Amino acid sequence: MTIPGGIFADRILGPWISTLIGGCIIMAGHVVLAIPLVVTSWVGLILIALGTGFIKPNLATVVSGLYDADDPRRDQGFQYFYMSVNVGSLVAPLVTGFLKDHFGYHVAFISAAIGMALALVSFAYDRHKLGRFAYTIPNPLQPGDGKRLVLLALGIIALATTLISLFRFLVFAGAESSEAWVNSIAWSLFLFALVTSLGYFLTMARSPRVTSQERVHLRAFAPLWVGSVLFVLIFEQAAGKMATFAAENTDRSVGGLVELSAAQYQSFNPLFLLLLAPLIGALFARRAGRFPNTAASSRSPW
């Protein structure tokens, strides 16, 4: 979902507006999830996925625009940014888990929507502190581009629908209906993400608008991208499969005095990040100029 989010930012809206819209869509997703119906569960999750696609590629772009390209404070800035994200990751499971246990899931979802609303108010209130970069559309649409984008989007939707249907009625024809549809969607998304990623790398590698220096950075990024995919593949199970396992198959009591909920375990990762990030930030500050910067070294062996 970061692909359409990035396209909207680069060609139509700019990074700040795209981030704001993404937050609004996520907030709407939480509100929809608070409605106790099966269909709203699907719609709410889809809205959160769409909103995250707008935020993920663009919020980091807004942060990077606070610094000049050669500013040594950029890496520290991203450390602070990452810490701020993890403050929310630390508090949110504790708040939503408590509300879920005492008042039900739907109150917890509403609290998540309220949290996003407060974040959006802060994001909009402090917009004057950002430079022009946050509001600039890097590659605005030219005459005829809008029509091509619409046709491309419709083509992708038609292709995705066809692919899901093929999986459903050919590969998973013998499975129970709901399980067959879920598996069909999952495999279709996997193939779409794989093909799209390869297409992006080939496009960037062959585009005449990509400089030789940028191609060096692209080659340096490729192995980091593979590592990131493998990391996220495991890490994103924490709030799903691993939380379910913790809830059903582990002793969650601490010294026999208190029992932690599965939701509370979600706060351990951001807690350790918040404890260790200042130490790493201090190390980078003391060794400024002696580490490769966030992008890549021009002398990268890749």
Protein backbone atom coordinates (compact mmCIF):
# COMPACT_ATOMS: atom_id res chain seq x y z
CA MET A 1 0.00 0.00 0.00
CA THR A 2 3.01 2.30 0.19
CA ILE A 3 3.08 2.26 -3.62
CA PRO A 4 -0.14 4.26 -4.18
CA GLY A 5 0.71 6.32 -1.09
CA GLY A 6 4.07 7.25 -2.59
CA ILE A 7 2.56 7.98 -6.01
CA PHE A 8 -0.03 10.33 -4.51
CA ALA A 9 2.69 12.18 -2.59
CA ASP A 10 5.14 12.41 -5.50
CA ARG A 11 2.66 13.37 -8.18
CA ILE A 12 -0.53 14.80 -6.67
CA LEU A 13 -0.48 15.87 -3.02
CA GLY A 14 3.03 16.21 -1.58
CA PRO A 15 4.35 14.38 1.51
CA TRP A 16 2.72 16.45 4.28
CA ILE A 17 -0.82 16.32 2.90
CA SER A 18 -0.42 12.61 2.10
CA THR A 19 0.66 11.91 5.69
CA LEU A 20 -2.30 13.88 7.05
CA ILE A 21 -4.74 12.02 4.80
CA GLY A 22 -3.19 8.70 5.83
CA GLY A 23 -3.76 9.48 9.49
CA CYS A 24 -7.39 10.41 8.80
CA ILE A 25 -7.95 7.13 6.94
CA ILE A 26 -6.43 5.11 9.79
CA MET A 27 -8.60 6.98 12.30
CA ALA A 28 -11.67 6.16 10.20
CA GLY A 29 -10.57 2.52 10.13
CA HIS A 30 -10.49 2.36 13.92
CA VAL A 31 -13.94 3.93 14.13
CA VAL A 32 -15.31 1.38 11.64
CA LEU A 33 -13.69 -1.48 13.60
CA ALA A 34 -15.61 -0.33 16.67
CA ILE A 35 -18.87 -1.31 14.94
CA PRO A 36 -19.56 -4.97 15.88
CA LEU A 37 -20.19 -6.46 12.43
CA VAL A 38 -18.19 -8.89 10.30
CA VAL A 39 -18.19 -6.60 7.28
CA THR A 40 -16.91 -3.64 9.32
CA SER A 41 -14.00 -5.77 10.50
CA TRP A 42 -12.88 -6.19 6.89
CA VAL A 43 -13.58 -2.58 5.94
CA GLY A 44 -11.75 -1.26 9.02
CA LEU A 45 -8.65 -3.36 8.34
CA ILE A 46 -8.62 -2.27 4.69
CA LEU A 47 -8.85 1.39 5.71
CA ILE A 48 -5.96 0.98 8.18
CA ALA A 49 -3.87 -0.69 5.48
CA LEU A 50 -4.61 2.12 3.02
CA GLY A 51 -3.88 4.82 5.58
CA THR A 52 -0.62 3.17 6.58
CA GLY A 53 0.36 3.14 2.91
CA PHE A 54 0.02 6.92 2.88
CA ILE A 55 1.93 7.46 6.13
CA LYS A 56 4.80 4.96 5.86
CA PRO A 57 6.67 6.40 2.85
CA ASN A 58 5.82 10.04 3.50
CA LEU A 59 6.34 10.72 7.20
CA ALA A 60 10.00 9.75 6.93
CA THR A 61 10.23 12.02 3.89
CA VAL A 62 8.89 14.91 5.97
CA VAL A 63 11.49 14.18 8.66
CA SER A 64 14.34 14.02 6.14
CA GLY A 65 13.24 17.39 4.75
CA LEU A 66 14.06 19.03 8.10
CA TYR A 67 17.78 18.69 7.35
CA ASP A 68 20.09 19.54 4.50
CA ALA A 69 21.58 16.59 2.64
CA ASP A 70 24.99 16.99 4.32
CA ASP A 71 23.68 17.90 7.80
CA PRO A 72 25.35 15.57 10.36
CA ARG A 73 22.28 15.91 12.61
CA ARG A 74 20.07 13.96 10.20
CA ASP A 75 20.89 10.55 11.70
CA GLN A 76 20.18 11.86 15.19
CA GLY A 77 16.93 13.34 13.91
CA PHE A 78 15.82 9.93 12.71
CA GLN A 79 16.78 8.47 16.09
CA TYR A 80 14.47 10.98 17.79
CA PHE A 81 11.76 10.25 15.23
CA TYR A 82 12.06 6.51 15.84
CA MET A 83 11.93 7.08 19.59
CA SER A 84 8.75 9.14 19.27
CA VAL A 85 7.12 6.36 17.25
CA ASN A 86 8.01 3.88 19.97
CA VAL A 87 6.54 6.08 22.71
CA GLY A 88 3.19 5.47 21.02
CA SER A 89 4.01 1.78 20.60
CA LEU A 90 4.76 1.56 24.31
CA VAL A 91 1.62 3.32 25.55
CA ALA A 92 -0.97 2.14 23.02
CA PRO A 93 -1.02 -1.60 23.93
CA LEU A 94 -1.29 -0.74 27.63
CA VAL A 95 -4.22 1.64 27.10
CA THR A 96 -6.10 -0.39 24.49
CA GLY A 97 -5.43 -3.67 26.31
CA PHE A 98 -6.82 -2.26 29.56
CA LEU A 99 -9.92 -0.88 27.84
CA LYS A 100 -10.47 -4.15 25.96
CA ASP A 101 -10.28 -6.17 29.18
CA HIS A 102 -12.69 -3.91 31.10
CA PHE A 103 -15.04 -2.51 28.46
CA GLY A 104 -14.64 -4.62 25.31
CA TYR A 105 -12.83 -4.46 21.99
CA HIS A 106 -15.01 -1.74 20.54
CA VAL A 107 -14.17 0.79 23.23
CA ALA A 108 -10.51 -0.04 22.69
CA PHE A 109 -10.84 0.68 18.96
CA ILE A 110 -12.50 4.02 19.71
CA SER A 111 -9.60 4.90 22.03
CA ALA A 112 -7.20 4.17 19.16
CA ALA A 113 -9.19 6.53 16.95
CA ILE A 114 -9.02 9.23 19.65
CA GLY A 115 -5.25 8.74 19.91
CA MET A 116 -4.87 9.22 16.16
CA ALA A 117 -7.10 12.31 16.27
CA LEU A 118 -4.84 13.90 18.91
CA ALA A 119 -1.78 13.07 16.82
CA LEU A 120 -3.36 14.67 13.74
CA VAL A 121 -4.18 17.84 15.68
CA SER A 122 -0.55 18.10 16.79
CA PHE A 123 0.70 17.34 13.27
CA ALA A 124 -1.48 20.08 11.79
CA TYR A 125 -0.80 22.61 14.58
CA ASP A 126 2.99 22.46 14.14
CA ARG A 127 2.98 22.49 10.34
CA HIS A 128 4.47 25.99 10.24
CA LYS A 129 7.75 24.55 11.60
CA LEU A 130 8.26 22.52 8.43
CA GLY A 131 10.06 23.80 5.37
CA ARG A 132 8.65 24.18 1.89
CA PHE A 133 9.96 20.69 1.11
CA ALA A 134 7.11 19.06 3.06
CA TYR A 135 4.50 20.69 0.81
CA THR A 136 6.30 20.39 -2.52
CA ILE A 137 5.00 17.94 -5.14
CA PRO A 138 8.28 16.48 -6.51
CA ASN A 139 6.96 15.21 -9.85
CA PRO A 140 3.55 16.78 -10.56
CA LEU A 141 1.21 15.23 -13.08
CA GLN A 142 1.62 16.38 -16.66
CA PRO A 143 -1.27 16.58 -19.17
CA GLY A 144 -2.51 13.05 -19.83
CA ASP A 145 -0.75 11.51 -16.82
CA GLY A 146 -3.90 11.49 -14.70
CA LYS A 147 -5.82 9.44 -17.25
CA ARG A 148 -2.96 6.95 -17.53
CA LEU A 149 -2.79 6.58 -13.74
CA VAL A 150 -6.54 5.92 -13.54
CA LEU A 151 -6.35 3.31 -16.30
CA LEU A 152 -3.35 1.70 -14.61
CA ALA A 153 -5.19 1.56 -11.26
CA LEU A 154 -8.26 0.01 -12.89
CA GLY A 155 -6.05 -2.52 -14.67
CA ILE A 156 -4.35 -3.49 -11.39
CA ILE A 157 -7.72 -3.89 -9.65
CA ALA A 158 -8.99 -6.09 -12.50
CA LEU A 159 -5.79 -8.16 -12.42
CA ALA A 160 -5.96 -8.56 -8.63
CA THR A 161 -9.62 -9.63 -8.81
CA THR A 162 -8.80 -12.19 -11.51
CA LEU A 163 -5.82 -13.53 -9.58
CA ILE A 164 -7.81 -13.91 -6.35
CA SER A 165 -10.61 -15.68 -8.21
CA LEU A 166 -8.15 -18.09 -9.86
CA PHE A 167 -6.66 -19.00 -6.51
CA ARG A 168 -10.11 -19.38 -4.97
CA PHE A 169 -11.65 -21.64 -7.60
CA LEU A 170 -8.58 -23.55 -8.80
CA VAL A 171 -5.96 -23.80 -6.05
CA PHE A 172 -8.23 -23.72 -2.97
CA ALA A 173 -11.39 -25.15 -4.53
CA GLY A 174 -11.66 -27.94 -1.94
CA ALA A 175 -11.19 -25.73 1.14
CA GLU A 176 -13.89 -24.27 3.36
CA SER A 177 -15.26 -21.08 1.79
CA SER A 178 -14.00 -18.42 4.20
CA GLU A 179 -10.59 -20.09 4.54
CA ALA A 180 -10.31 -20.39 0.76
CA TRP A 181 -10.99 -16.68 0.25
CA VAL A 182 -8.49 -15.65 2.96
CA ASN A 183 -5.76 -17.87 1.49
CA SER A 184 -6.51 -16.64 -2.02
CA ILE A 185 -6.17 -13.00 -0.95
CA ALA A 186 -2.97 -13.73 0.98
CA TRP A 187 -1.25 -15.52 -1.92
CA SER A 188 -2.39 -12.88 -4.41
CA LEU A 189 -0.97 -10.09 -2.22
CA PHE A 190 2.30 -12.03 -1.90
CA LEU A 191 2.68 -12.38 -5.67
CA PHE A 192 1.66 -8.76 -6.24
CA ALA A 193 4.21 -7.48 -3.72
CA LEU A 194 6.96 -9.69 -5.17
CA VAL A 195 6.37 -8.72 -8.79
CA THR A 196 5.89 -5.04 -7.95
CA SER A 197 9.12 -4.91 -5.93
CA LEU A 198 11.12 -6.48 -8.74
CA GLY A 199 9.50 -4.07 -11.18
CA TYR A 200 10.45 -1.09 -9.02
CA PHE A 201 14.09 -2.16 -8.79
CA LEU A 202 14.31 -2.74 -12.54
CA THR A 203 12.66 0.61 -13.27
CA MET A 204 15.07 2.50 -10.99
CA ALA A 205 18.08 0.62 -12.35
CA ARG A 206 17.21 1.34 -15.98
CA SER A 207 15.62 4.79 -15.77
CA PRO A 208 17.57 7.54 -17.58
CA ARG A 209 16.58 9.94 -14.78
CA VAL A 210 18.59 7.91 -12.23
CA THR A 211 22.18 9.10 -11.92
CA SER A 212 25.19 6.80 -11.70
CA GLN A 213 25.67 7.85 -8.07
CA GLU A 214 22.06 6.92 -7.31
CA ARG A 215 22.59 3.53 -8.93
CA VAL A 216 25.45 2.92 -6.52
CA HIS A 217 23.10 3.71 -3.66
CA LEU A 218 20.47 1.44 -5.21
CA ARG A 219 22.90 -1.49 -5.28
CA ALA A 220 23.78 -0.78 -1.66
CA PHE A 221 20.11 -0.71 -0.75
CA ALA A 222 19.18 -4.04 -2.38
CA PRO A 223 20.68 -6.35 0.28
CA LEU A 224 19.34 -4.07 3.02
CA TRP A 225 15.90 -4.39 1.45
CA VAL A 226 16.11 -8.20 1.48
CA GLY A 227 17.14 -8.13 5.14
CA SER A 228 14.31 -5.73 5.94
CA VAL A 229 11.74 -8.00 4.26
CA LEU A 230 12.92 -11.01 6.27
CA PHE A 231 12.92 -8.98 9.49
CA VAL A 232 9.44 -7.56 8.98
CA LEU A 233 8.13 -10.99 7.95
CA ILE A 234 8.94 -12.22 11.46
CA PHE A 235 8.46 -9.01 13.43
CA GLU A 236 4.91 -8.39 12.21
CA GLN A 237 3.80 -11.72 13.70
CA ALA A 238 4.23 -10.19 17.18
CA ALA A 239 0.73 -8.72 17.35
CA GLY A 240 -0.93 -11.74 15.68
CA LYS A 241 0.42 -15.28 15.81
CA MET A 242 2.87 -14.63 18.65
CA ALA A 243 0.29 -12.77 20.74
CA THR A 244 -2.18 -15.61 20.28
CA PHE A 245 0.48 -18.13 21.31
CA ALA A 246 1.33 -16.03 24.37
CA ALA A 247 -2.32 -15.81 25.36
CA GLU A 248 -3.04 -19.53 25.02
CA ASN A 249 0.21 -21.41 25.65
CA THR A 250 2.42 -19.52 28.10
CA ASP A 251 2.52 -18.77 31.81
CA ARG A 252 2.14 -15.00 31.89
CA SER A 253 2.35 -14.56 35.67
CA VAL A 254 5.21 -12.52 37.12
CA GLY A 255 6.38 -13.92 40.45
CA GLY A 256 2.89 -15.13 41.14
CA LEU A 257 1.88 -11.53 41.91
CA VAL A 258 0.54 -10.21 38.63
CA GLU A 259 -0.46 -11.72 35.32
CA LEU A 260 0.39 -9.87 32.14
CA SER A 261 -2.05 -9.88 29.26
CA ALA A 262 -0.94 -10.74 25.74
CA ALA A 263 -1.52 -7.10 24.78
CA GLN A 264 0.89 -5.87 27.46
CA TYR A 265 3.67 -7.97 25.96
CA GLN A 266 3.48 -5.73 22.88
CA SER A 267 5.00 -2.93 24.98
CA PHE A 268 8.26 -4.75 25.72
CA ASN A 269 9.82 -4.17 22.30
CA PRO A 270 9.28 -0.37 22.26
CA LEU A 271 10.36 -0.22 25.93
CA PHE A 272 13.78 -1.65 25.14
CA LEU A 273 14.06 0.54 22.06
CA LEU A 274 13.41 3.64 24.15
CA LEU A 275 15.99 2.55 26.71
CA LEU A 276 18.68 1.79 24.11
CA ALA A 277 18.02 4.45 21.46
CA PRO A 278 19.59 7.31 23.51
CA LEU A 279 22.75 5.22 23.97
CA ILE A 280 22.99 4.52 20.24
CA GLY A 281 22.22 8.17 19.47
CA ALA A 282 24.99 9.31 21.82
CA LEU A 283 27.42 6.91 20.14
CA PHE A 284 26.57 8.27 16.69
CA ALA A 285 26.84 11.85 17.95
CA ARG A 286 30.34 11.23 19.35
CA ARG A 287 31.48 9.50 16.16
CA ALA A 288 29.81 11.94 13.74
CA GLY A 289 31.50 11.80 10.36
CA ARG A 290 33.10 8.43 11.02
CA PHE A 291 30.03 6.33 10.18
CA PRO A 292 28.31 5.93 6.80
CA ASN A 293 25.29 8.23 6.72
CA THR A 294 21.67 7.12 6.42
CA ALA A 295 21.68 6.93 2.63
CA ALA A 296 24.90 5.07 1.76
CA SER A 297 28.57 5.66 1.20
CA SER A 298 29.58 6.45 -2.36
CA ARG A 299 32.38 3.91 -1.89
CA SER A 300 29.94 1.11 -1.08
CA PRO A 301 31.29 -2.31 -2.19
CA TRP A 302 27.80 -3.09 -3.49
